[in-house]
Structures are given as C-alpha cells and as structure tokens.
C-alpha cells in the first residue's frame, strides 16, 4: 500500500500558478499535483485568467481549487491573498512561492530600474507573501513554505541580476527556516535546472536545436519539465519531508555537476 503523503485536507497557496494556454509551468504543475495528493489549492497569478485555467484542470480531475488574481509585489494584495484563501478554505498549510522573472545583462549593462524590478519580483514578493502566510500557518498549527530559486544562483552564467535574486531566495529560505522552526513551519527551496516550460519558450520560437541542447546539458540527458519541479514541491510540502527544513533541493538532471551547460534560466 502506498504511503500517505499527509496532504489530504491541507490548504495550499500556489503563487504563480498560471501558465499560458494548456502549458505546464512549474506553478501549474505544483498546483495540479498538490490537488491530486488531496490538498485544496488556492491558485494565484497576476493574470487571473491563467490561474482560472489551472483551476479548471484541477476541477476536471475532481480536485478542489479556487483562482485569485494578485500582483504580489504589492503588500496589500499579498495580505488580501492570504485572507481570501483562509476565508475560502478555513486554514493555510502550504505556500509555494513560484513567482519570478529573468534578466541576462551584466552589472555594467543592466539598468538600475530593471535591477530593482528583478529584485522586487523575485525576492520581495516572496518576503511579502511569507509575511502574511506565516501567521495564518501558525493559526493552523504549522506548515511548509517552498521557495523556487534556480541553479543560476549556484552556478552563475551571465544572468547577473537573476542569479543575484535567486541567491537571495536561498538566503531568505535559510533565514525563515531558522526564524519559524519553533512555529512548526518548515521552509525549503528548490533550484530548478533548464526545465522546459511556457515561460522558457514564452515567444514560441525556441528551435528544436536549442531545446535539444538544453536536454543534453544534463548528465541524465533528460528534458526537465514543470512536472519535475511540481513533484519536488509536493515532496517538500508533505509528511515525507517532516524532518527537512532550510534545504535547497537541486532538480536539474545533474547540470550543476558538469561543464556541458551554458546560460540557462531555471
């Protein structure tokens, strides 16, 4: 008999849970997989229509989910997001912080305005969502936060603002894990490698050759997908990870162990 993940009846917020069209991004995959494991899922995206499509996918499988639109760089909207989720489902147990954007400039080439934008979206949004989610989790008896970083934080390759922001996500994860362990809240991080998602191919013009190069960049020579990241979110959110906190789980097929990879945003 398969072991219970302990997610039945838990409530999860997935921030950045939408994706273009029918595509499976990291957030959408996490939302669907959490629902399959028995959680009730509050899917949040800046574009509420994208979150709604994720909810439709979950409901079609018999899951329980609700959509919410919010700009998570705005503190009042983060506070409202958590309040709405708790009002809808009665508690909060899990937060998947999956919001982020990329940038490929050096410090010389990067504008100060875009540097600030990357930090605001990639780091400050996680601070703000956690600021309001943690008290709600304490009221529920504890919980799990999973922050999405990138292997670019561990192995910088010409994505300077992005790498810096994702390094800050790892530091934020460690600090929150220390601060809130006594509250019964575990805080962990995932560092994806070059997984294929709608965000990576946002313009729909990635060539087959480029996609093949990304696949071969891993030791396993397997193309990563949003499902791989979603499965990691489910694991870290579950009772199977009850003794794990303050860790960064690298999900990259071995990319960080080899010199094959070039500049890929995870």
Protein backbone atom coordinates (compact mmCIF):
# COMPACT_ATOMS: atom_id res chain seq x y z
CA UNK A 1 0.00 0.00 0.00
CA UNK A 2 1.33 3.43 -0.95
CA UNK A 3 2.31 5.64 1.98
CA UNK A 4 0.05 8.64 2.65
CA UNK A 5 1.69 11.97 1.86
CA UNK A 6 -0.30 13.63 4.63
CA UNK A 7 -1.73 16.29 2.32
CA UNK A 8 -5.37 15.27 2.47
CA UNK A 9 -7.40 18.24 3.72
CA UNK A 10 -4.41 20.61 3.72
CA UNK A 11 -4.71 24.01 2.07
CA UNK A 12 -2.02 25.30 -0.29
CA UNK A 13 -1.42 28.66 -1.92
CA UNK A 14 0.48 28.36 -5.19
CA UNK A 15 1.81 31.80 -6.12
CA UNK A 16 2.47 31.99 -9.84
CA UNK A 17 0.18 29.05 -10.53
CA UNK A 18 -0.93 30.04 -14.02
CA UNK A 19 0.60 29.28 -17.41
CA UNK A 20 -0.08 30.23 -20.99
CA UNK A 21 -2.67 28.12 -22.78
CA UNK A 22 -2.55 24.46 -21.91
CA UNK A 23 1.13 24.59 -20.99
CA UNK A 24 2.53 23.09 -17.81
CA UNK A 25 4.76 25.51 -15.95
CA UNK A 26 6.31 24.88 -12.55
CA UNK A 27 3.46 26.55 -10.67
CA UNK A 28 0.63 24.92 -12.62
CA UNK A 29 2.25 21.50 -12.22
CA UNK A 30 2.64 22.02 -8.46
CA UNK A 31 -0.99 23.10 -8.13
CA UNK A 32 -2.30 20.08 -10.04
CA UNK A 33 -0.07 17.62 -8.17
CA UNK A 34 -0.91 19.07 -4.75
CA UNK A 35 -4.60 18.69 -5.60
CA UNK A 36 -4.04 15.11 -6.72
CA UNK A 37 -2.43 14.46 -3.34
CA UNK A 38 -5.57 15.67 -1.59
CA UNK A 39 -4.83 19.33 -0.89
CA UNK A 40 -7.23 22.18 -1.54
CA UNK A 41 -5.38 24.65 -3.75
CA UNK A 42 -5.63 28.43 -3.97
CA UNK A 43 -4.08 29.25 -7.34
CA UNK A 44 -2.74 32.80 -7.61
CA UNK A 45 -1.44 34.61 -10.66
CA UNK A 46 -1.09 38.21 -11.75
CA UNK A 47 -3.32 37.23 -14.69
CA UNK A 48 -6.35 35.69 -13.02
CA UNK A 49 -7.44 34.05 -16.28
CA UNK A 50 -4.29 31.91 -16.24
CA UNK A 51 -4.97 30.88 -12.65
CA UNK A 52 -8.57 30.08 -13.60
CA UNK A 53 -7.40 27.71 -16.33
CA UNK A 54 -5.26 25.86 -13.79
CA UNK A 55 -8.27 25.60 -11.50
CA UNK A 56 -10.35 24.22 -14.37
CA UNK A 57 -7.74 21.50 -14.90
CA UNK A 58 -7.83 20.60 -11.21
CA UNK A 59 -11.62 20.56 -11.00
CA UNK A 60 -11.81 18.39 -14.13
CA UNK A 61 -9.88 15.74 -12.19
CA UNK A 62 -12.18 16.02 -9.18
CA UNK A 63 -9.95 18.32 -7.13
CA UNK A 64 -10.86 21.38 -5.08
CA UNK A 65 -9.32 24.70 -6.09
CA UNK A 66 -10.03 28.41 -6.44
CA UNK A 67 -8.38 31.12 -8.55
CA UNK A 68 -7.21 34.54 -7.41
CA UNK A 69 -5.60 37.44 -9.25
CA UNK A 70 -2.92 39.47 -7.47
CA UNK A 71 0.25 41.48 -8.03
CA UNK A 72 2.43 40.01 -5.31
CA UNK A 73 4.87 42.90 -5.35
CA UNK A 74 2.11 44.88 -3.61
CA UNK A 75 1.90 44.31 0.13
CA UNK A 76 -1.83 44.94 0.42
CA UNK A 77 -2.51 42.38 -2.30
CA UNK A 78 -0.36 39.76 -0.52
CA UNK A 79 -2.28 40.37 2.69
CA UNK A 80 -5.59 40.10 0.83
CA UNK A 81 -4.48 36.92 -0.93
CA UNK A 82 -3.85 35.11 2.34
CA UNK A 83 -7.03 36.45 3.94
CA UNK A 84 -9.09 35.33 0.94
CA UNK A 85 -7.53 31.86 0.92
CA UNK A 86 -8.23 31.39 4.63
CA UNK A 87 -11.78 32.67 4.22
CA UNK A 88 -12.36 30.28 1.30
CA UNK A 89 -10.80 27.15 2.79
CA UNK A 90 -10.63 27.81 6.53
CA UNK A 91 -6.89 27.36 7.06
CA UNK A 92 -3.45 27.57 5.41
CA UNK A 93 -0.78 24.88 5.49
CA UNK A 94 1.39 25.29 2.39
CA UNK A 95 2.85 28.18 0.39
CA UNK A 96 4.59 27.58 -2.94
CA UNK A 97 6.44 30.78 -3.89
CA UNK A 98 6.82 30.40 -7.62
CA UNK A 99 6.84 33.99 -8.94
CA UNK A 100 9.87 35.19 -10.87
CA UNK A 101 11.31 36.86 -13.99
CA UNK A 102 14.66 36.65 -15.75
CA UNK A 103 17.38 39.05 -16.87
CA UNK A 104 20.54 38.39 -18.87
CA UNK A 105 22.62 41.57 -18.51
CA UNK A 106 25.89 42.12 -16.66
CA UNK A 107 26.12 44.76 -13.92
CA UNK A 108 27.60 47.15 -16.49
CA UNK A 109 24.80 46.54 -18.99
CA UNK A 110 21.90 46.28 -16.52
CA UNK A 111 19.79 49.35 -15.86
CA UNK A 112 19.19 50.35 -12.27
CA UNK A 113 15.44 50.28 -12.92
CA UNK A 114 15.45 46.71 -14.22
CA UNK A 115 17.76 45.55 -11.42
CA UNK A 116 15.24 46.89 -8.91
CA UNK A 117 12.37 45.26 -10.83
CA UNK A 118 14.04 41.84 -10.79
CA UNK A 119 14.71 42.08 -7.05
CA UNK A 120 11.19 43.30 -6.35
CA UNK A 121 9.51 40.45 -8.24
CA UNK A 122 11.95 37.63 -7.45
CA UNK A 123 12.72 38.39 -3.79
CA UNK A 124 10.43 41.00 -2.29
CA UNK A 125 7.31 39.15 -3.46
CA UNK A 126 8.43 36.06 -1.54
CA UNK A 127 9.09 38.16 1.54
CA UNK A 128 5.62 39.72 1.33
CA UNK A 129 3.70 36.50 0.68
CA UNK A 130 5.53 34.79 3.54
CA UNK A 131 4.98 37.77 5.86
CA UNK A 132 1.22 37.18 5.74
CA UNK A 133 1.17 33.42 5.16
CA UNK A 134 3.23 32.54 8.23
CA UNK A 135 0.78 33.91 10.84
CA UNK A 136 -2.04 32.03 9.08
CA UNK A 137 0.04 28.83 9.15
CA UNK A 138 0.74 29.30 12.85
CA UNK A 139 -3.02 29.54 13.42
CA UNK A 140 -3.39 26.25 11.52
CA UNK A 141 -0.75 24.51 13.64
CA UNK A 142 2.27 24.84 11.35
CA UNK A 143 3.04 24.39 7.69
CA UNK A 144 5.50 24.29 4.84
CA UNK A 145 6.89 27.01 2.57
CA UNK A 146 8.66 26.13 -0.67
CA UNK A 147 10.55 28.90 -2.46
CA UNK A 148 11.61 28.47 -6.07
CA UNK A 149 15.21 29.56 -6.74
CA UNK A 150 17.39 28.44 -9.67
CA UNK A 151 20.67 26.70 -10.39
CA UNK A 152 21.74 30.12 -11.67
CA UNK A 153 22.19 31.03 -8.01
CA UNK A 154 24.61 28.14 -7.57
CA UNK A 155 26.42 28.41 -10.87
CA UNK A 156 26.19 31.92 -12.34
CA UNK A 157 26.48 32.09 -16.13
CA UNK A 158 25.84 35.60 -17.36
CA UNK A 159 22.44 36.20 -15.76
CA UNK A 160 23.70 38.57 -13.11
CA UNK A 161 20.57 40.23 -11.69
CA UNK A 162 18.65 36.97 -11.96
CA UNK A 163 21.43 34.96 -10.29
CA UNK A 164 21.71 37.52 -7.50
CA UNK A 165 17.97 37.49 -6.85
CA UNK A 166 17.83 33.71 -6.80
CA UNK A 167 20.79 33.60 -4.41
CA UNK A 168 18.81 35.92 -2.15
CA UNK A 169 15.91 33.47 -2.31
CA UNK A 170 18.16 30.75 -0.90
CA UNK A 171 19.34 33.05 1.90
CA UNK A 172 15.75 34.08 2.64
CA UNK A 173 14.78 30.41 2.81
CA UNK A 174 17.51 29.62 5.32
CA UNK A 175 16.67 32.64 7.48
CA UNK A 176 12.95 31.86 7.57
CA UNK A 177 13.68 28.23 8.38
CA UNK A 178 15.62 29.37 11.45
CA UNK A 179 13.09 32.00 12.46
CA UNK A 180 10.00 29.82 12.26
CA UNK A 181 11.04 26.27 13.13
CA UNK A 182 9.61 26.69 16.62
CA UNK A 183 6.31 27.70 14.99
CA UNK A 184 6.17 24.30 13.31
CA UNK A 185 6.90 25.79 9.89
CA UNK A 186 9.40 24.18 7.56
CA UNK A 187 10.95 26.36 4.84
CA UNK A 188 12.78 24.83 1.91
CA UNK A 189 13.94 25.82 -1.54
CA UNK A 190 14.04 24.23 -5.00
CA UNK A 191 16.70 25.14 -7.55
CA UNK A 192 15.40 24.08 -10.97
CA UNK A 193 17.69 23.46 -13.90
CA UNK A 194 16.77 24.14 -17.55
CA UNK A 195 13.25 22.73 -17.45
CA UNK A 196 11.01 23.25 -20.47
CA UNK A 197 8.02 25.42 -19.58
CA UNK A 198 5.79 28.00 -21.30
CA UNK A 199 7.82 30.74 -19.59
CA UNK A 200 11.09 29.47 -21.09
CA UNK A 201 9.55 29.38 -24.57
CA UNK A 202 7.37 32.44 -23.96
CA UNK A 203 7.64 33.66 -27.56
CA UNK A 204 7.08 30.22 -29.04
CA UNK A 205 10.21 30.49 -31.16
CA UNK A 206 12.64 28.15 -29.39
CA UNK A 207 14.22 25.98 -32.08
CA UNK A 208 14.34 22.21 -31.85
CA UNK A 209 18.14 22.51 -31.79
CA UNK A 210 18.05 24.84 -28.79
CA UNK A 211 15.65 22.57 -26.97
CA UNK A 212 17.88 19.58 -27.72
CA UNK A 213 20.93 21.45 -26.43
CA UNK A 214 19.09 22.11 -23.17
CA UNK A 215 18.21 18.42 -22.88
CA UNK A 216 21.82 17.36 -23.41
CA UNK A 217 23.05 19.87 -20.83
CA UNK A 218 22.11 17.45 -18.04
CA UNK A 219 24.07 14.36 -17.10
CA UNK A 220 20.91 12.30 -17.48
CA UNK A 221 20.25 13.78 -20.95
CA UNK A 222 16.58 14.02 -20.00
CA UNK A 223 14.46 17.10 -20.64
CA UNK A 224 13.16 18.51 -17.38
CA UNK A 225 9.57 19.72 -17.23
CA UNK A 226 7.29 21.57 -14.85
CA UNK A 227 6.14 18.20 -13.52
CA UNK A 228 9.63 17.53 -12.14
CA UNK A 229 9.52 20.76 -10.15
CA UNK A 230 5.92 20.15 -9.11
CA UNK A 231 6.80 16.73 -7.75
CA UNK A 232 9.59 18.29 -5.69
CA UNK A 233 7.12 20.84 -4.28
CA UNK A 234 4.74 18.06 -3.28
CA UNK A 235 7.54 16.12 -1.59
CA UNK A 236 8.82 19.10 0.40
CA UNK A 237 5.26 20.02 1.39
CA UNK A 238 4.40 16.50 2.54
CA UNK A 239 4.89 14.47 5.69
CA UNK A 240 7.64 12.60 3.85
CA UNK A 241 9.77 15.73 4.35
CA UNK A 242 8.78 16.25 8.01
CA UNK A 243 12.47 16.27 9.10
CA UNK A 244 13.68 18.57 6.31
CA UNK A 245 13.98 22.35 6.62
CA UNK A 246 16.37 25.04 5.44
CA UNK A 247 17.48 22.98 2.44
CA UNK A 248 17.90 23.71 -1.25
CA UNK A 249 16.87 20.77 -3.43
CA UNK A 250 18.56 20.93 -6.83
CA UNK A 251 16.32 19.50 -9.56
CA UNK A 252 18.45 19.72 -12.68
CA UNK A 253 19.36 16.28 -14.01
CA UNK A 254 22.93 16.89 -12.89
CA UNK A 255 23.52 20.16 -14.79
CA UNK A 256 25.41 21.76 -11.93
CA UNK A 257 27.85 18.85 -11.91
CA UNK A 258 29.02 19.20 -15.50
CA UNK A 259 30.52 21.82 -17.78
CA UNK A 260 28.11 20.98 -20.61
CA UNK A 261 25.53 23.62 -19.66
CA UNK A 262 25.63 27.19 -20.89
CA UNK A 263 23.46 30.06 -19.69
CA UNK A 264 20.08 28.60 -18.83
CA UNK A 265 17.39 30.13 -16.65
CA UNK A 266 15.88 27.52 -14.34
